């Protein structure tokens, strides 16, 4: 997504709040990214999950085995209450960034890039905050008005919530290509699920211009209670009373 691309029109931007990041985040030098590009990457990953039904004429005709494979991935999302690990992102130009993530359902999420990359995304279940720590600036959005709301909800059903374009299984990996029916984020999402470990290992976002961004997950730990401080956001009182029009 280019810097000039418009933000979703109904998401509300307010001024910076103070947020204390954990001190244990470390990493190697990484390529710089923009606030919008970082947010777009994470949003793209889960935008597929917001549709209420798929268009049959667009979807691939799935065999019973393929349908079962997709349902297995849905069950994986639904089985998650807490999840943490590390991620590595490769941009369309080959630039590499990495960081840590935490998820606590319902509604809570944290994606943080390792230094010197300054970006941080935090959801406390109500507000989603995208922060540039080096510039002491952030954007805040009601979680209910972002595609992430259903990824962080209790129920995910890919067969009925997305257009399934392709399902392939090889080397104990299932690759599912999805499309957002609402086209909130033009392009395709490719999920790579490891059947040997029963975990999502990678996703790739191919935008409307064919540019591919890949995110790989490692050191995944599920079911471990997350520190509530990881999902703490502080918003000015005036921001809580504002309503999008």
C-alpha atoms as a PDB file:
ATOM      1  CA  UNK A   1       0.000   0.000   0.000  1.00  0.00           C
ATOM      2  CA  UNK A   2       1.460   3.360  -0.943  1.00  0.00           C
ATOM      3  CA  UNK A   3       1.758   6.267   1.430  1.00  0.00           C
ATOM      4  CA  UNK A   4      -0.870   8.161  -0.538  1.00  0.00           C
ATOM      5  CA  UNK A   5      -3.482   5.422  -0.269  1.00  0.00           C
ATOM      6  CA  UNK A   6      -6.610   6.424   1.570  1.00  0.00           C
ATOM      7  CA  UNK A   7      -7.414   4.956   4.954  1.00  0.00           C
ATOM      8  CA  UNK A   8     -10.727   3.130   5.462  1.00  0.00           C
ATOM      9  CA  UNK A   9     -13.202   6.000   5.527  1.00  0.00           C
ATOM     10  CA  UNK A  10     -15.071   5.020   8.676  1.00  0.00           C
ATOM     11  CA  UNK A  11     -12.088   4.487  10.930  1.00  0.00           C
ATOM     12  CA  UNK A  12     -11.486   7.333  13.345  1.00  0.00           C
ATOM     13  CA  UNK A  13      -8.082   8.867  13.953  1.00  0.00           C
ATOM     14  CA  UNK A  14      -7.307  10.700  17.186  1.00  0.00           C
ATOM     15  CA  UNK A  15      -4.186  12.146  18.772  1.00  0.00           C
ATOM     16  CA  UNK A  16      -1.247  10.386  20.413  1.00  0.00           C
ATOM     17  CA  UNK A  17      -1.515   8.713  23.808  1.00  0.00           C
ATOM     18  CA  UNK A  18       1.303   7.460  26.000  1.00  0.00           C
ATOM     19  CA  UNK A  19       2.033   3.752  25.991  1.00  0.00           C
ATOM     20  CA  UNK A  20       4.970   2.055  27.732  1.00  0.00           C
ATOM     21  CA  UNK A  21       6.401  -0.729  25.529  1.00  0.00           C
ATOM     22  CA  UNK A  22       8.000  -3.795  27.173  1.00  0.00           C
ATOM     23  CA  UNK A  23      11.737  -3.535  27.640  1.00  0.00           C
ATOM     24  CA  UNK A  24      12.522  -7.101  26.556  1.00  0.00           C
ATOM     25  CA  UNK A  25      12.043  -6.644  22.818  1.00  0.00           C
ATOM     26  CA  UNK A  26      15.293  -7.071  20.898  1.00  0.00           C
ATOM     27  CA  UNK A  27      16.244  -7.633  17.321  1.00  0.00           C
ATOM     28  CA  UNK A  28      18.599  -7.027  14.475  1.00  0.00           C
ATOM     29  CA  UNK A  29      18.498  -4.131  12.077  1.00  0.00           C
ATOM     30  CA  UNK A  30      15.520  -4.258   9.787  1.00  0.00           C
ATOM     31  CA  UNK A  31      14.134  -2.350   6.881  1.00  0.00           C
ATOM     32  CA  UNK A  32      12.023   0.702   7.714  1.00  0.00           C
ATOM     33  CA  UNK A  33       8.316   0.568   6.981  1.00  0.00           C
ATOM     34  CA  UNK A  34       5.547   3.106   7.140  1.00  0.00           C
ATOM     35  CA  UNK A  35       2.731   3.158   9.692  1.00  0.00           C
ATOM     36  CA  UNK A  36       0.197   2.558   6.936  1.00  0.00           C
ATOM     37  CA  UNK A  37       2.109  -0.281   5.335  1.00  0.00           C
ATOM     38  CA  UNK A  38       2.563  -2.055   8.667  1.00  0.00           C
ATOM     39  CA  UNK A  39      -1.100  -1.716   9.557  1.00  0.00           C
ATOM     40  CA  UNK A  40      -2.193  -2.745   6.072  1.00  0.00           C
ATOM     41  CA  UNK A  41      -0.131  -5.927   6.263  1.00  0.00           C
ATOM     42  CA  UNK A  42      -1.712  -7.055   9.511  1.00  0.00           C
ATOM     43  CA  UNK A  43      -5.195  -6.020   8.426  1.00  0.00           C
ATOM     44  CA  UNK A  44      -4.795  -7.846   5.113  1.00  0.00           C
ATOM     45  CA  UNK A  45      -4.035 -11.059   6.925  1.00  0.00           C
ATOM     46  CA  UNK A  46      -7.404 -11.170   8.587  1.00  0.00           C
ATOM     47  CA  UNK A  47      -9.626  -9.108   6.296  1.00  0.00           C
ATOM     48  CA  UNK A  48     -10.769 -12.339   4.632  1.00  0.00           C
ATOM     49  CA  UNK A  49     -12.544 -13.341   7.819  1.00  0.00           C
ATOM     50  CA  UNK A  50     -15.108 -10.545   7.889  1.00  0.00           C
ATOM     51  CA  UNK A  51     -17.487 -11.683   5.102  1.00  0.00           C
ATOM     52  CA  UNK A  52     -20.817 -13.197   6.017  1.00  0.00           C
ATOM     53  CA  UNK A  53     -21.035 -15.609   3.058  1.00  0.00           C
ATOM     54  CA  UNK A  54     -19.096 -16.683  -0.016  1.00  0.00           C
ATOM     55  CA  UNK A  55     -20.071 -16.230  -3.644  1.00  0.00           C
ATOM     56  CA  UNK A  56     -20.529 -19.739  -5.039  1.00  0.00           C
ATOM     57  CA  UNK A  57     -19.828 -18.683  -8.598  1.00  0.00           C
ATOM     58  CA  UNK A  58     -16.406 -17.383  -7.621  1.00  0.00           C
ATOM     59  CA  UNK A  59     -15.390 -20.098  -5.201  1.00  0.00           C
ATOM     60  CA  UNK A  60     -13.529 -23.208  -6.223  1.00  0.00           C
ATOM     61  CA  UNK A  61     -15.416 -26.498  -6.230  1.00  0.00           C
ATOM     62  CA  UNK A  62     -13.957 -28.311  -3.245  1.00  0.00           C
ATOM     63  CA  UNK A  63     -13.717 -32.026  -2.660  1.00  0.00           C
ATOM     64  CA  UNK A  64     -14.719 -33.424   0.712  1.00  0.00           C
ATOM     65  CA  UNK A  65     -11.020 -33.712   1.603  1.00  0.00           C
ATOM     66  CA  UNK A  66     -10.371 -30.088   0.687  1.00  0.00           C
ATOM     67  CA  UNK A  67     -13.386 -28.893   2.650  1.00  0.00           C
ATOM     68  CA  UNK A  68     -12.190 -30.878   5.631  1.00  0.00           C
ATOM     69  CA  UNK A  69      -8.755 -29.261   5.324  1.00  0.00           C
ATOM     70  CA  UNK A  70     -10.264 -25.773   5.356  1.00  0.00           C
ATOM     71  CA  UNK A  71     -12.498 -26.668   8.280  1.00  0.00           C
ATOM     72  CA  UNK A  72      -9.440 -27.902  10.160  1.00  0.00           C
ATOM     73  CA  UNK A  73      -7.877 -24.445   9.840  1.00  0.00           C
ATOM     74  CA  UNK A  74     -11.119 -22.835  11.065  1.00  0.00           C
ATOM     75  CA  UNK A  75     -11.088 -25.168  14.041  1.00  0.00           C
ATOM     76  CA  UNK A  76      -7.510 -24.143  14.721  1.00  0.00           C
ATOM     77  CA  UNK A  77      -8.496 -20.468  14.903  1.00  0.00           C
ATOM     78  CA  UNK A  78     -11.457 -21.360  17.110  1.00  0.00           C
ATOM     79  CA  UNK A  79      -9.319 -23.429  19.470  1.00  0.00           C
ATOM     80  CA  UNK A  80      -7.012 -20.506  20.193  1.00  0.00           C
ATOM     81  CA  UNK A  81      -7.565 -18.554  23.362  1.00  0.00           C
ATOM     82  CA  UNK A  82      -4.027 -17.262  23.735  1.00  0.00           C
ATOM     83  CA  UNK A  83      -1.128 -17.397  21.303  1.00  0.00           C
ATOM     84  CA  UNK A  84       2.334 -15.900  21.217  1.00  0.00           C
ATOM     85  CA  UNK A  85       5.469 -16.230  19.135  1.00  0.00           C
ATOM     86  CA  UNK A  86       7.813 -14.507  16.727  1.00  0.00           C
ATOM     87  CA  UNK A  87       7.175 -13.351  13.174  1.00  0.00           C
ATOM     88  CA  UNK A  88       9.323 -12.499  10.165  1.00  0.00           C
ATOM     89  CA  UNK A  89       7.940 -10.375   7.356  1.00  0.00           C
ATOM     90  CA  UNK A  90       9.321 -10.186   3.813  1.00  0.00           C
ATOM     91  CA  UNK A  91       8.064  -7.258   1.761  1.00  0.00           C
ATOM     92  CA  UNK A  92       7.435  -7.270  -2.005  1.00  0.00           C
ATOM     93  CA  UNK A  93      10.894  -5.692  -2.443  1.00  0.00           C
ATOM     94  CA  UNK A  94      12.580  -8.357  -0.328  1.00  0.00           C
ATOM     95  CA  UNK A  95      13.059  -6.223   2.783  1.00  0.00           C
ATOM     96  CA  UNK A  96      12.947  -8.250   5.999  1.00  0.00           C
ATOM     97  CA  UNK A  97      11.477  -7.209   9.353  1.00  0.00           C
ATOM     98  CA  UNK A  98      10.773  -9.267  12.469  1.00  0.00           C
ATOM     99  CA  UNK A  99       9.133  -9.026  15.856  1.00  0.00           C
ATOM    100  CA  UNK A 100       6.940 -10.667  18.466  1.00  0.00           C
ATOM    101  CA  UNK A 101       3.180 -11.117  18.709  1.00  0.00           C
ATOM    102  CA  UNK A 102       0.631 -11.918  21.405  1.00  0.00           C
ATOM    103  CA  UNK A 103      -3.062 -12.775  20.988  1.00  0.00           C
ATOM    104  CA  UNK A 104      -5.605 -13.176  23.767  1.00  0.00           C
ATOM    105  CA  UNK A 105      -9.178 -13.819  22.682  1.00  0.00           C
ATOM    106  CA  UNK A 106     -11.586 -12.259  22.622  1.00  0.00           C
ATOM    107  CA  UNK A 107     -10.381  -8.983  21.266  1.00  0.00           C
ATOM    108  CA  UNK A 108      -6.810  -8.553  22.467  1.00  0.00           C
ATOM    109  CA  UNK A 109      -3.748  -8.438  20.218  1.00  0.00           C
ATOM    110  CA  UNK A 110      -0.198  -7.112  20.189  1.00  0.00           C
ATOM    111  CA  UNK A 111       2.202  -7.017  17.206  1.00  0.00           C
ATOM    112  CA  UNK A 112       5.557  -5.400  17.943  1.00  0.00           C
ATOM    113  CA  UNK A 113       8.543  -5.066  15.637  1.00  0.00           C
ATOM    114  CA  UNK A 114      12.025  -5.525  17.050  1.00  0.00           C
ATOM    115  CA  UNK A 115      14.252  -2.454  17.335  1.00  0.00           C
ATOM    116  CA  UNK A 116      15.157  -0.348  15.481  1.00  0.00           C
ATOM    117  CA  UNK A 117      11.789  -0.648  13.750  1.00  0.00           C
ATOM    118  CA  UNK A 118       9.462   1.600  15.786  1.00  0.00           C
ATOM    119  CA  UNK A 119       6.009   0.213  15.040  1.00  0.00           C
ATOM    120  CA  UNK A 120       3.554  -1.363  17.438  1.00  0.00           C
ATOM    121  CA  UNK A 121      -0.068  -2.514  17.163  1.00  0.00           C
ATOM    122  CA  UNK A 122      -2.124  -3.107  20.313  1.00  0.00           C
ATOM    123  CA  UNK A 123      -5.801  -3.961  20.771  1.00  0.00           C
ATOM    124  CA  UNK A 124      -7.381  -3.964  24.234  1.00  0.00           C
ATOM    125  CA  UNK A 125     -10.645  -5.441  22.984  1.00  0.00           C
ATOM    126  CA  UNK A 126     -12.244  -2.062  22.329  1.00  0.00           C
ATOM    127  CA  UNK A 127      -9.588   0.131  20.718  1.00  0.00           C
ATOM    128  CA  UNK A 128      -6.919  -0.741  18.174  1.00  0.00           C
ATOM    129  CA  UNK A 129      -3.798   1.428  18.446  1.00  0.00           C
ATOM    130  CA  UNK A 130      -1.117   1.725  15.759  1.00  0.00           C
ATOM    131  CA  UNK A 131       1.911   3.488  17.208  1.00  0.00           C
ATOM    132  CA  UNK A 132       5.176   4.853  15.841  1.00  0.00           C
ATOM    133  CA  UNK A 133       7.277   4.963  19.011  1.00  0.00           C
ATOM    134  CA  UNK A 134      10.145   6.916  17.470  1.00  0.00           C
ATOM    135  CA  UNK A 135       7.861   9.782  16.459  1.00  0.00           C
ATOM    136  CA  UNK A 136       5.616   9.484  19.530  1.00  0.00           C
ATOM    137  CA  UNK A 137       2.559   9.346  17.315  1.00  0.00           C
ATOM    138  CA  UNK A 138      -0.278   6.881  17.012  1.00  0.00           C
ATOM    139  CA  UNK A 139      -3.575   6.266  15.275  1.00  0.00           C
ATOM    140  CA  UNK A 140      -6.513   4.814  17.210  1.00  0.00           C
ATOM    141  CA  UNK A 141      -9.496   2.966  15.761  1.00  0.00           C
ATOM    142  CA  UNK A 142     -12.539   1.316  17.339  1.00  0.00           C
ATOM    143  CA  UNK A 143     -11.808  -2.409  17.037  1.00  0.00           C
ATOM    144  CA  UNK A 144     -15.427  -3.014  16.009  1.00  0.00           C
ATOM    145  CA  UNK A 145     -14.802  -1.009  12.823  1.00  0.00           C
ATOM    146  CA  UNK A 146     -11.732  -2.948  11.685  1.00  0.00           C
ATOM    147  CA  UNK A 147     -11.493  -6.348   9.968  1.00  0.00           C
ATOM    148  CA  UNK A 148      -9.485  -7.636  12.939  1.00  0.00           C
ATOM    149  CA  UNK A 149     -12.624  -7.808  15.067  1.00  0.00           C
ATOM    150  CA  UNK A 150     -13.662 -11.229  13.741  1.00  0.00           C
ATOM    151  CA  UNK A 151     -10.188 -12.696  13.749  1.00  0.00           C
ATOM    152  CA  UNK A 152     -10.195 -11.903  17.453  1.00  0.00           C
ATOM    153  CA  UNK A 153     -13.739 -13.170  17.975  1.00  0.00           C
ATOM    154  CA  UNK A 154     -14.734 -16.549  19.336  1.00  0.00           C
ATOM    155  CA  UNK A 155     -16.014 -18.045  16.073  1.00  0.00           C
ATOM    156  CA  UNK A 156     -14.300 -18.334  12.677  1.00  0.00           C
ATOM    157  CA  UNK A 157     -15.800 -20.297   9.761  1.00  0.00           C
ATOM    158  CA  UNK A 158     -13.682 -19.944   6.627  1.00  0.00           C
ATOM    159  CA  UNK A 159     -15.928 -22.088   4.443  1.00  0.00           C
ATOM    160  CA  UNK A 160     -18.830 -19.710   5.014  1.00  0.00           C
ATOM    161  CA  UNK A 161     -16.969 -16.456   5.569  1.00  0.00           C
ATOM    162  CA  UNK A 162     -14.577 -16.345   2.620  1.00  0.00           C
ATOM    163  CA  UNK A 163     -14.245 -17.273  -1.031  1.00  0.00           C
ATOM    164  CA  UNK A 164     -12.008 -20.337  -1.190  1.00  0.00           C
ATOM    165  CA  UNK A 165     -10.003 -20.095  -4.405  1.00  0.00           C
ATOM    166  CA  UNK A 166      -7.626 -23.039  -4.047  1.00  0.00           C
ATOM    167  CA  UNK A 167      -6.710 -25.777  -1.567  1.00  0.00           C
ATOM    168  CA  UNK A 168      -3.492 -27.801  -1.927  1.00  0.00           C
ATOM    169  CA  UNK A 169      -1.834 -30.302   0.412  1.00  0.00           C
ATOM    170  CA  UNK A 170       1.781 -31.474   0.057  1.00  0.00           C
ATOM    171  CA  UNK A 171       4.653 -32.340   2.398  1.00  0.00           C
ATOM    172  CA  UNK A 172       2.185 -32.289   5.294  1.00  0.00           C
ATOM    173  CA  UNK A 173       1.378 -28.639   4.581  1.00  0.00           C
ATOM    174  CA  UNK A 174      -2.043 -27.360   3.535  1.00  0.00           C
ATOM    175  CA  UNK A 175      -2.096 -24.163   1.478  1.00  0.00           C
ATOM    176  CA  UNK A 176      -5.419 -22.343   1.188  1.00  0.00           C
ATOM    177  CA  UNK A 177      -5.898 -19.350  -1.089  1.00  0.00           C
ATOM    178  CA  UNK A 178      -8.740 -17.060   0.005  1.00  0.00           C
ATOM    179  CA  UNK A 179     -10.387 -13.938  -1.314  1.00  0.00           C
ATOM    180  CA  UNK A 180     -12.305 -11.285   0.579  1.00  0.00           C
ATOM    181  CA  UNK A 181     -15.845 -11.195  -0.838  1.00  0.00           C
ATOM    182  CA  UNK A 182     -16.258  -7.587   0.258  1.00  0.00           C
ATOM    183  CA  UNK A 183     -12.880  -6.658  -1.268  1.00  0.00           C
ATOM    184  CA  UNK A 184     -11.975  -4.485   1.717  1.00  0.00           C
ATOM    185  CA  UNK A 185      -8.395  -5.392   0.857  1.00  0.00           C
ATOM    186  CA  UNK A 186      -8.099  -6.221  -2.873  1.00  0.00           C
ATOM    187  CA  UNK A 187      -6.132  -9.360  -3.639  1.00  0.00           C
ATOM    188  CA  UNK A 188      -5.682 -12.808  -2.139  1.00  0.00           C
ATOM    189  CA  UNK A 189      -4.604 -14.234   1.189  1.00  0.00           C
ATOM    190  CA  UNK A 190      -2.658 -17.501   1.231  1.00  0.00           C
ATOM    191  CA  UNK A 191      -2.611 -19.470   4.497  1.00  0.00           C
ATOM    192  CA  UNK A 192      -0.019 -22.193   5.078  1.00  0.00           C
ATOM    193  CA  UNK A 193      -1.048 -24.691   7.766  1.00  0.00           C
ATOM    194  CA  UNK A 194       1.347 -27.296   9.169  1.00  0.00           C
ATOM    195  CA  UNK A 195      -0.571 -30.550   9.643  1.00  0.00           C
ATOM    196  CA  UNK A 196       2.302 -32.157  11.552  1.00  0.00           C
ATOM    197  CA  UNK A 197       2.165 -29.550  14.315  1.00  0.00           C
ATOM    198  CA  UNK A 198      -1.450 -28.418  13.829  1.00  0.00           C
ATOM    199  CA  UNK A 199      -0.512 -24.761  13.598  1.00  0.00           C
ATOM    200  CA  UNK A 200      -0.582 -21.871  11.155  1.00  0.00           C
ATOM    201  CA  UNK A 201       3.002 -21.366   9.988  1.00  0.00           C
ATOM    202  CA  UNK A 202       2.833 -18.711   7.294  1.00  0.00           C
ATOM    203  CA  UNK A 203       0.607 -16.395   5.350  1.00  0.00           C
ATOM    204  CA  UNK A 204       1.129 -14.400   2.198  1.00  0.00           C
ATOM    205  CA  UNK A 205      -0.814 -11.363   1.071  1.00  0.00           C
ATOM    206  CA  UNK A 206      -0.928 -10.759  -2.688  1.00  0.00           C
ATOM    207  CA  UNK A 207      -2.430  -7.341  -3.310  1.00  0.00           C
ATOM    208  CA  UNK A 208      -4.443  -6.167  -6.279  1.00  0.00           C
ATOM    209  CA  UNK A 209      -1.240  -5.340  -8.186  1.00  0.00           C
ATOM    210  CA  UNK A 210       0.313  -8.746  -7.588  1.00  0.00           C
ATOM    211  CA  UNK A 211       2.753  -7.580  -4.901  1.00  0.00           C
ATOM    212  CA  UNK A 212       3.416 -10.294  -2.331  1.00  0.00           C
ATOM    213  CA  UNK A 213       4.116  -9.861   1.388  1.00  0.00           C
ATOM    214  CA  UNK A 214       4.958 -13.010   3.361  1.00  0.00           C
ATOM    215  CA  UNK A 215       4.781 -13.430   7.138  1.00  0.00           C
ATOM    216  CA  UNK A 216       6.239 -16.545   8.803  1.00  0.00           C
ATOM    217  CA  UNK A 217       5.542 -17.556  12.403  1.00  0.00           C
ATOM    218  CA  UNK A 218       8.014 -19.317  14.686  1.00  0.00           C
ATOM    219  CA  UNK A 219       8.352 -20.277  18.358  1.00  0.00           C
ATOM    220  CA  UNK A 220       4.573 -20.449  18.633  1.00  0.00           C
ATOM    221  CA  UNK A 221       3.159 -21.075  22.107  1.00  0.00           C
ATOM    222  CA  UNK A 222      -0.580 -21.593  22.628  1.00  0.00           C
ATOM    223  CA  UNK A 223      -2.578 -21.662  25.834  1.00  0.00           C
ATOM    224  CA  UNK A 224      -0.168 -19.693  28.008  1.00  0.00           C
ATOM    225  CA  UNK A 225      -1.787 -16.912  29.995  1.00  0.00           C
ATOM    226  CA  UNK A 226      -0.805 -13.503  28.675  1.00  0.00           C
ATOM    227  CA  UNK A 227       0.167 -10.567  30.840  1.00  0.00           C
ATOM    228  CA  UNK A 228      -2.743  -8.080  30.702  1.00  0.00           C
ATOM    229  CA  UNK A 229      -0.237  -5.229  30.535  1.00  0.00           C
ATOM    230  CA  UNK A 230       0.658  -6.268  26.988  1.00  0.00           C
ATOM    231  CA  UNK A 231      -2.772  -5.147  25.796  1.00  0.00           C
ATOM    232  CA  UNK A 232      -3.062  -1.935  27.803  1.00  0.00           C
ATOM    233  CA  UNK A 233      -3.865   1.229  25.894  1.00  0.00           C
ATOM    234  CA  UNK A 234      -4.409   4.698  27.285  1.00  0.00           C
ATOM    235  CA  UNK A 235      -6.719   7.048  25.456  1.00  0.00           C
ATOM    236  CA  UNK A 236      -7.656  10.644  26.274  1.00  0.00           C
ATOM    237  CA  UNK A 237     -11.162  10.863  27.690  1.00  0.00           C
ATOM    238  CA  UNK A 238     -12.192  13.096  24.818  1.00  0.00           C
ATOM    239  CA  UNK A 239     -11.380  10.320  22.327  1.00  0.00           C
ATOM    240  CA  UNK A 240     -13.767   7.859  23.941  1.00  0.00           C
ATOM    241  CA  UNK A 241     -16.748  10.119  23.352  1.00  0.00           C
ATOM    242  CA  UNK A 242     -16.146  10.587  19.640  1.00  0.00           C
ATOM    243  CA  UNK A 243     -18.302   8.673  17.192  1.00  0.00           C
ATOM    244  CA  UNK A 244     -17.573   8.210  13.477  1.00  0.00           C
ATOM    245  CA  UNK A 245     -20.031   9.675  11.083  1.00  0.00           C
END
